[in-house]
Amino acid sequence: MKRNVKLLLLMFVCGALLSGCNTARGVGEDIQDLGHIISHAAS
């Protein structure tokens, strides 16, 4: 079950990154936002 949840989350994140950024700057901003989300979830 955990494997399915991780796979679904990975697919969602990849889809969001690919659809939400058209430039290298957009990729950087998306990765930075993802880092903030992960750090907030970890704390």
Protein backbone atom coordinates (compact mmCIF):
# COMPACT_ATOMS: atom_id res chain seq x y z
CA MET A 1 0.00 0.00 0.00
CA LYS A 2 2.79 2.43 0.88
CA ARG A 3 4.45 1.72 -2.46
CA ASN A 4 1.26 2.70 -4.29
CA VAL A 5 0.94 5.94 -2.34
CA LYS A 6 4.59 6.83 -3.03
CA LEU A 7 4.17 6.06 -6.72
CA LEU A 8 1.02 8.15 -6.94
CA LEU A 9 2.72 11.06 -5.16
CA LEU A 10 5.73 10.82 -7.46
CA MET A 11 3.49 10.83 -10.53
CA PHE A 12 1.61 13.86 -9.21
CA VAL A 13 4.80 15.81 -8.49
CA CYS A 14 6.29 14.97 -11.90
CA GLY A 15 3.09 15.98 -13.63
CA ALA A 16 2.94 19.25 -11.74
CA LEU A 17 6.55 20.05 -12.57
CA LEU A 18 6.15 19.23 -16.24
CA SER A 19 2.91 21.12 -16.70
CA GLY A 20 3.71 24.10 -14.49
CA CYS A 21 7.07 25.22 -15.79
CA ASN A 22 8.02 26.26 -19.28
CA THR A 23 11.45 27.72 -18.56
CA ALA A 24 14.54 26.84 -16.56
CA ARG A 25 13.59 29.56 -14.10
CA GLY A 26 10.17 27.95 -13.66
CA VAL A 27 11.81 24.59 -12.92
CA GLY A 28 13.96 26.21 -10.24
CA GLU A 29 10.99 27.90 -8.64
CA ASP A 30 8.99 24.66 -8.66
CA ILE A 31 11.85 22.72 -7.08
CA GLN A 32 12.27 25.44 -4.46
CA ASP A 33 8.55 25.31 -3.66
CA LEU A 34 8.73 21.53 -3.39
CA GLY A 35 11.64 21.89 -0.95
CA HIS A 36 9.58 24.24 1.19
CA ILE A 37 6.66 21.83 1.21
CA ILE A 38 8.88 18.93 2.22
CA SER A 39 10.59 20.91 4.99
CA HIS A 40 7.25 22.03 6.40
CA ALA A 41 5.91 18.48 6.29
CA ALA A 42 9.03 17.16 8.06
CA SER A 43 8.77 19.65 10.92
